[in-house]
């Protein structure tokens, strides 16, 4: 199975993380759970795996030149961060009402 990351998939991954993480956070609030195995597994599943799969992808492509910048990767990272930020702001506005 090949998974080609796109700006849309990166934005969806950011929105998913922004919605899921605050929902899970109350379960791990406190000193005794901050380094627990459940906390680490949830962090990997909710933040790291979607970011890696839908922003970075699982394949590695060599840039064309020695000083080439992967602009597509930078675009996907920006989309992931922007979608997560917009989703978090909208959720905060919704909760405030």
N, C-alpha and C. Protein backbone atom coordinates (compact mmCIF):
# COMPACT_ATOMS: atom_id res chain seq x y z
N UNK A 1 0.84 -1.17 0.00
CA UNK A 1 0.00 0.00 0.00
C UNK A 1 0.89 1.24 0.00
N UNK A 2 0.68 2.10 -0.95
CA UNK A 2 1.42 3.35 -0.99
C UNK A 2 0.49 4.47 -0.55
N UNK A 3 1.03 5.34 0.23
CA UNK A 3 0.27 6.47 0.74
C UNK A 3 1.01 7.73 0.33
N UNK A 4 0.39 8.49 -0.54
CA UNK A 4 1.00 9.73 -1.02
C UNK A 4 0.41 10.90 -0.24
N UNK A 5 1.20 11.56 0.59
CA UNK A 5 0.65 12.68 1.35
C UNK A 5 0.36 13.87 0.44
N UNK A 6 -0.73 14.55 0.75
CA UNK A 6 -1.15 15.73 0.00
C UNK A 6 -1.43 16.85 1.00
N UNK A 7 -1.54 18.08 0.53
CA UNK A 7 -1.92 19.16 1.45
C UNK A 7 -3.28 18.93 2.12
N UNK A 8 -4.21 18.32 1.41
CA UNK A 8 -5.52 18.04 1.98
C UNK A 8 -5.42 16.99 3.08
N UNK A 9 -4.66 15.91 2.83
CA UNK A 9 -4.50 14.88 3.86
C UNK A 9 -3.75 15.44 5.07
N UNK A 10 -2.81 16.34 4.84
CA UNK A 10 -2.09 16.98 5.95
C UNK A 10 -3.03 17.85 6.77
N UNK A 11 -3.90 18.59 6.09
CA UNK A 11 -4.86 19.44 6.80
C UNK A 11 -5.85 18.59 7.60
N UNK A 12 -6.29 17.47 7.05
CA UNK A 12 -7.20 16.58 7.77
C UNK A 12 -6.51 15.96 8.98
N UNK A 13 -5.24 15.62 8.85
CA UNK A 13 -4.49 15.08 9.99
C UNK A 13 -4.35 16.12 11.09
N UNK A 14 -4.10 17.36 10.72
CA UNK A 14 -4.01 18.43 11.70
C UNK A 14 -5.33 18.68 12.40
N UNK A 15 -6.42 18.66 11.65
CA UNK A 15 -7.73 18.85 12.25
C UNK A 15 -8.07 17.69 13.18
N UNK A 16 -7.76 16.47 12.77
CA UNK A 16 -8.00 15.30 13.62
C UNK A 16 -7.25 15.42 14.93
N UNK A 17 -5.98 15.77 14.87
CA UNK A 17 -5.17 15.90 16.08
C UNK A 17 -5.70 17.01 16.98
N UNK A 18 -6.12 18.11 16.38
CA UNK A 18 -6.63 19.24 17.17
C UNK A 18 -7.95 18.92 17.84
N UNK A 19 -8.74 18.04 17.26
CA UNK A 19 -10.01 17.65 17.86
C UNK A 19 -9.80 16.54 18.89
N UNK A 20 -8.98 15.55 18.56
CA UNK A 20 -8.83 14.38 19.42
C UNK A 20 -7.99 14.65 20.67
N UNK A 21 -6.95 15.44 20.55
CA UNK A 21 -6.05 15.62 21.70
C UNK A 21 -6.72 16.31 22.89
N UNK A 22 -7.43 17.42 22.71
CA UNK A 22 -8.11 18.02 23.87
C UNK A 22 -9.17 17.10 24.48
N UNK A 23 -9.79 16.27 23.66
CA UNK A 23 -10.78 15.34 24.16
C UNK A 23 -10.12 14.27 25.04
N UNK A 24 -8.90 13.85 24.71
CA UNK A 24 -8.19 12.84 25.49
C UNK A 24 -7.43 13.42 26.67
N UNK A 25 -7.08 14.69 26.63
CA UNK A 25 -6.22 15.29 27.65
C UNK A 25 -6.74 15.13 29.08
N UNK A 26 -8.04 15.30 29.36
CA UNK A 26 -8.49 15.16 30.75
C UNK A 26 -8.20 13.79 31.36
N UNK A 27 -8.07 12.77 30.54
CA UNK A 27 -7.76 11.43 31.06
C UNK A 27 -6.32 11.33 31.54
N UNK A 28 -5.46 12.24 31.11
CA UNK A 28 -4.05 12.18 31.45
C UNK A 28 -3.59 13.39 32.24
N UNK A 29 -4.52 14.14 32.80
CA UNK A 29 -4.17 15.33 33.56
C UNK A 29 -3.71 14.92 34.96
N UNK A 30 -2.54 15.38 35.34
CA UNK A 30 -2.04 15.08 36.68
C UNK A 30 -0.60 14.59 36.63
N UNK A 31 0.07 14.66 37.76
CA UNK A 31 1.47 14.28 37.85
C UNK A 31 1.68 12.79 37.64
N UNK A 32 0.77 11.96 38.14
CA UNK A 32 0.99 10.52 38.09
C UNK A 32 0.83 9.94 36.69
N UNK A 33 0.13 10.63 35.81
CA UNK A 33 -0.11 10.09 34.47
C UNK A 33 0.70 10.76 33.38
N UNK A 34 1.47 11.78 33.71
CA UNK A 34 2.15 12.53 32.66
C UNK A 34 3.20 11.71 31.92
N UNK A 35 3.77 10.70 32.54
CA UNK A 35 4.76 9.87 31.86
C UNK A 35 4.31 8.45 31.71
N UNK A 36 3.01 8.20 31.79
CA UNK A 36 2.50 6.84 31.75
C UNK A 36 2.54 6.27 30.34
N UNK A 37 2.45 4.97 30.27
CA UNK A 37 2.46 4.28 28.99
C UNK A 37 1.23 4.65 28.17
N UNK A 38 0.07 4.78 28.80
CA UNK A 38 -1.13 5.17 28.08
C UNK A 38 -1.01 6.55 27.45
N UNK A 39 -0.41 7.47 28.19
CA UNK A 39 -0.18 8.82 27.68
C UNK A 39 0.72 8.78 26.45
N UNK A 40 1.78 8.01 26.51
CA UNK A 40 2.71 7.92 25.38
C UNK A 40 2.06 7.26 24.17
N UNK A 41 1.27 6.22 24.40
CA UNK A 41 0.61 5.54 23.29
C UNK A 41 -0.41 6.46 22.64
N UNK A 42 -1.19 7.18 23.44
CA UNK A 42 -2.16 8.13 22.88
C UNK A 42 -1.47 9.25 22.11
N UNK A 43 -0.35 9.71 22.62
CA UNK A 43 0.40 10.75 21.91
C UNK A 43 0.86 10.24 20.55
N UNK A 44 1.35 9.02 20.52
CA UNK A 44 1.79 8.44 19.26
C UNK A 44 0.64 8.24 18.28
N UNK A 45 -0.49 7.73 18.78
CA UNK A 45 -1.61 7.44 17.90
C UNK A 45 -2.37 8.69 17.44
N UNK A 46 -2.46 9.70 18.31
CA UNK A 46 -3.28 10.87 17.99
C UNK A 46 -2.46 11.97 17.32
N UNK A 47 -1.19 12.10 17.65
CA UNK A 47 -0.37 13.18 17.08
C UNK A 47 0.67 12.67 16.08
N UNK A 48 1.49 11.75 16.51
CA UNK A 48 2.65 11.36 15.69
C UNK A 48 2.28 10.54 14.46
N UNK A 49 1.44 9.52 14.63
CA UNK A 49 1.10 8.67 13.49
C UNK A 49 0.37 9.42 12.38
N UNK A 50 -0.69 10.19 12.70
CA UNK A 50 -1.33 10.95 11.61
C UNK A 50 -0.38 11.96 10.96
N UNK A 51 0.44 12.61 11.77
CA UNK A 51 1.37 13.58 11.19
C UNK A 51 2.37 12.89 10.28
N UNK A 52 2.89 11.76 10.70
CA UNK A 52 3.88 11.07 9.88
C UNK A 52 3.24 10.52 8.61
N UNK A 53 2.10 9.87 8.75
CA UNK A 53 1.48 9.23 7.60
C UNK A 53 0.95 10.23 6.58
N UNK A 54 0.29 11.28 7.05
CA UNK A 54 -0.41 12.16 6.12
C UNK A 54 0.32 13.46 5.82
N UNK A 55 1.43 13.73 6.51
CA UNK A 55 2.23 14.91 6.20
C UNK A 55 3.55 14.50 5.57
N UNK A 56 4.25 13.58 6.21
CA UNK A 56 5.55 13.15 5.68
C UNK A 56 5.43 12.00 4.69
N UNK A 57 4.53 11.08 4.93
CA UNK A 57 4.41 9.89 4.11
C UNK A 57 5.39 8.83 4.59
N UNK A 58 5.34 7.68 3.96
CA UNK A 58 6.21 6.59 4.36
C UNK A 58 7.37 6.35 3.40
N UNK A 59 7.40 7.04 2.31
CA UNK A 59 8.51 6.93 1.37
C UNK A 59 9.41 8.15 1.49
N UNK A 60 10.62 8.02 1.00
CA UNK A 60 11.54 9.15 1.03
C UNK A 60 11.97 9.45 -0.39
N UNK A 61 11.82 10.70 -0.77
CA UNK A 61 12.22 11.14 -2.11
C UNK A 61 13.38 12.09 -1.96
N UNK A 62 14.43 11.81 -2.68
CA UNK A 62 15.61 12.67 -2.65
C UNK A 62 15.34 13.97 -3.40
N UNK A 63 15.68 15.11 -2.79
CA UNK A 63 15.53 16.39 -3.51
C UNK A 63 16.37 16.38 -4.79
N UNK A 64 15.96 17.17 -5.76
CA UNK A 64 16.61 17.13 -7.07
C UNK A 64 18.03 17.68 -7.06
N UNK A 65 18.31 18.67 -6.25
CA UNK A 65 19.65 19.25 -6.21
C UNK A 65 20.24 19.18 -4.82
N UNK A 66 21.53 19.52 -4.70
CA UNK A 66 22.17 19.44 -3.38
C UNK A 66 21.61 20.46 -2.38
N UNK A 67 21.13 21.58 -2.87
CA UNK A 67 20.58 22.61 -1.97
C UNK A 67 19.08 22.80 -2.21
N UNK A 68 18.44 21.78 -2.77
CA UNK A 68 17.02 21.88 -3.07
C UNK A 68 16.20 21.81 -1.79
N UNK A 69 15.14 22.58 -1.77
CA UNK A 69 14.21 22.60 -0.64
C UNK A 69 12.94 21.88 -1.08
N UNK A 70 12.47 20.99 -0.24
CA UNK A 70 11.25 20.26 -0.54
C UNK A 70 10.05 21.15 -0.24
N UNK A 71 9.66 21.94 -1.21
CA UNK A 71 8.57 22.90 -1.00
C UNK A 71 7.24 22.20 -0.77
N UNK A 72 7.05 21.03 -1.39
CA UNK A 72 5.80 20.30 -1.17
C UNK A 72 5.69 19.86 0.29
N UNK A 73 6.80 19.43 0.87
CA UNK A 73 6.80 19.05 2.28
C UNK A 73 6.52 20.26 3.17
N UNK A 74 7.14 21.38 2.86
CA UNK A 74 6.90 22.60 3.63
C UNK A 74 5.44 23.03 3.54
N UNK A 75 4.84 22.88 2.37
CA UNK A 75 3.43 23.21 2.19
C UNK A 75 2.56 22.29 3.04
N UNK A 76 2.86 20.98 3.03
CA UNK A 76 2.07 20.04 3.83
C UNK A 76 2.22 20.32 5.32
N UNK A 77 3.41 20.65 5.78
CA UNK A 77 3.62 20.99 7.19
C UNK A 77 2.83 22.24 7.55
N UNK A 78 2.87 23.23 6.68
CA UNK A 78 2.10 24.45 6.92
C UNK A 78 0.61 24.19 6.96
N UNK A 79 0.12 23.33 6.07
CA UNK A 79 -1.30 22.99 6.06
C UNK A 79 -1.69 22.25 7.34
N UNK A 80 -0.82 21.34 7.81
CA UNK A 80 -1.08 20.59 9.03
C UNK A 80 -1.18 21.54 10.23
N UNK A 81 -0.22 22.45 10.33
CA UNK A 81 -0.23 23.40 11.44
C UNK A 81 -1.39 24.38 11.34
N UNK A 82 -1.68 24.86 10.15
CA UNK A 82 -2.78 25.82 9.97
C UNK A 82 -4.12 25.17 10.29
N UNK A 83 -4.34 23.95 9.81
CA UNK A 83 -5.60 23.27 10.08
C UNK A 83 -5.77 22.98 11.57
N UNK A 84 -4.69 22.58 12.21
CA UNK A 84 -4.75 22.31 13.65
C UNK A 84 -5.06 23.60 14.42
N UNK A 85 -4.44 24.70 14.02
CA UNK A 85 -4.67 25.98 14.69
C UNK A 85 -6.10 26.45 14.49
N UNK A 86 -6.58 26.41 13.26
CA UNK A 86 -7.95 26.86 12.97
C UNK A 86 -8.96 25.99 13.72
N UNK A 87 -8.74 24.68 13.72
CA UNK A 87 -9.65 23.78 14.42
C UNK A 87 -9.65 24.05 15.91
N UNK A 88 -8.47 24.27 16.49
CA UNK A 88 -8.38 24.55 17.93
C UNK A 88 -9.07 25.87 18.28
N UNK A 89 -8.90 26.87 17.44
CA UNK A 89 -9.54 28.17 17.69
C UNK A 89 -11.06 28.04 17.57
N UNK A 90 -11.53 27.35 16.55
CA UNK A 90 -12.98 27.17 16.40
C UNK A 90 -13.56 26.36 17.55
N UNK A 91 -12.84 25.35 18.02
CA UNK A 91 -13.32 24.56 19.15
C UNK A 91 -13.36 25.42 20.42
N UNK A 92 -12.38 26.29 20.60
CA UNK A 92 -12.39 27.18 21.77
C UNK A 92 -13.55 28.16 21.71
N UNK A 93 -13.83 28.67 20.53
CA UNK A 93 -14.96 29.58 20.37
C UNK A 93 -16.27 28.84 20.66
N UNK A 94 -16.37 27.63 20.16
CA UNK A 94 -17.59 26.83 20.37
C UNK A 94 -17.79 26.53 21.86
N UNK A 95 -16.71 26.19 22.56
CA UNK A 95 -16.80 25.88 23.99
C UNK A 95 -17.13 27.13 24.82
N UNK A 96 -16.74 28.30 24.35
CA UNK A 96 -16.97 29.53 25.10
C UNK A 96 -18.43 29.98 25.02
N UNK A 97 -19.16 29.50 24.06
CA UNK A 97 -20.55 29.93 23.90
C UNK A 97 -21.48 29.14 24.79
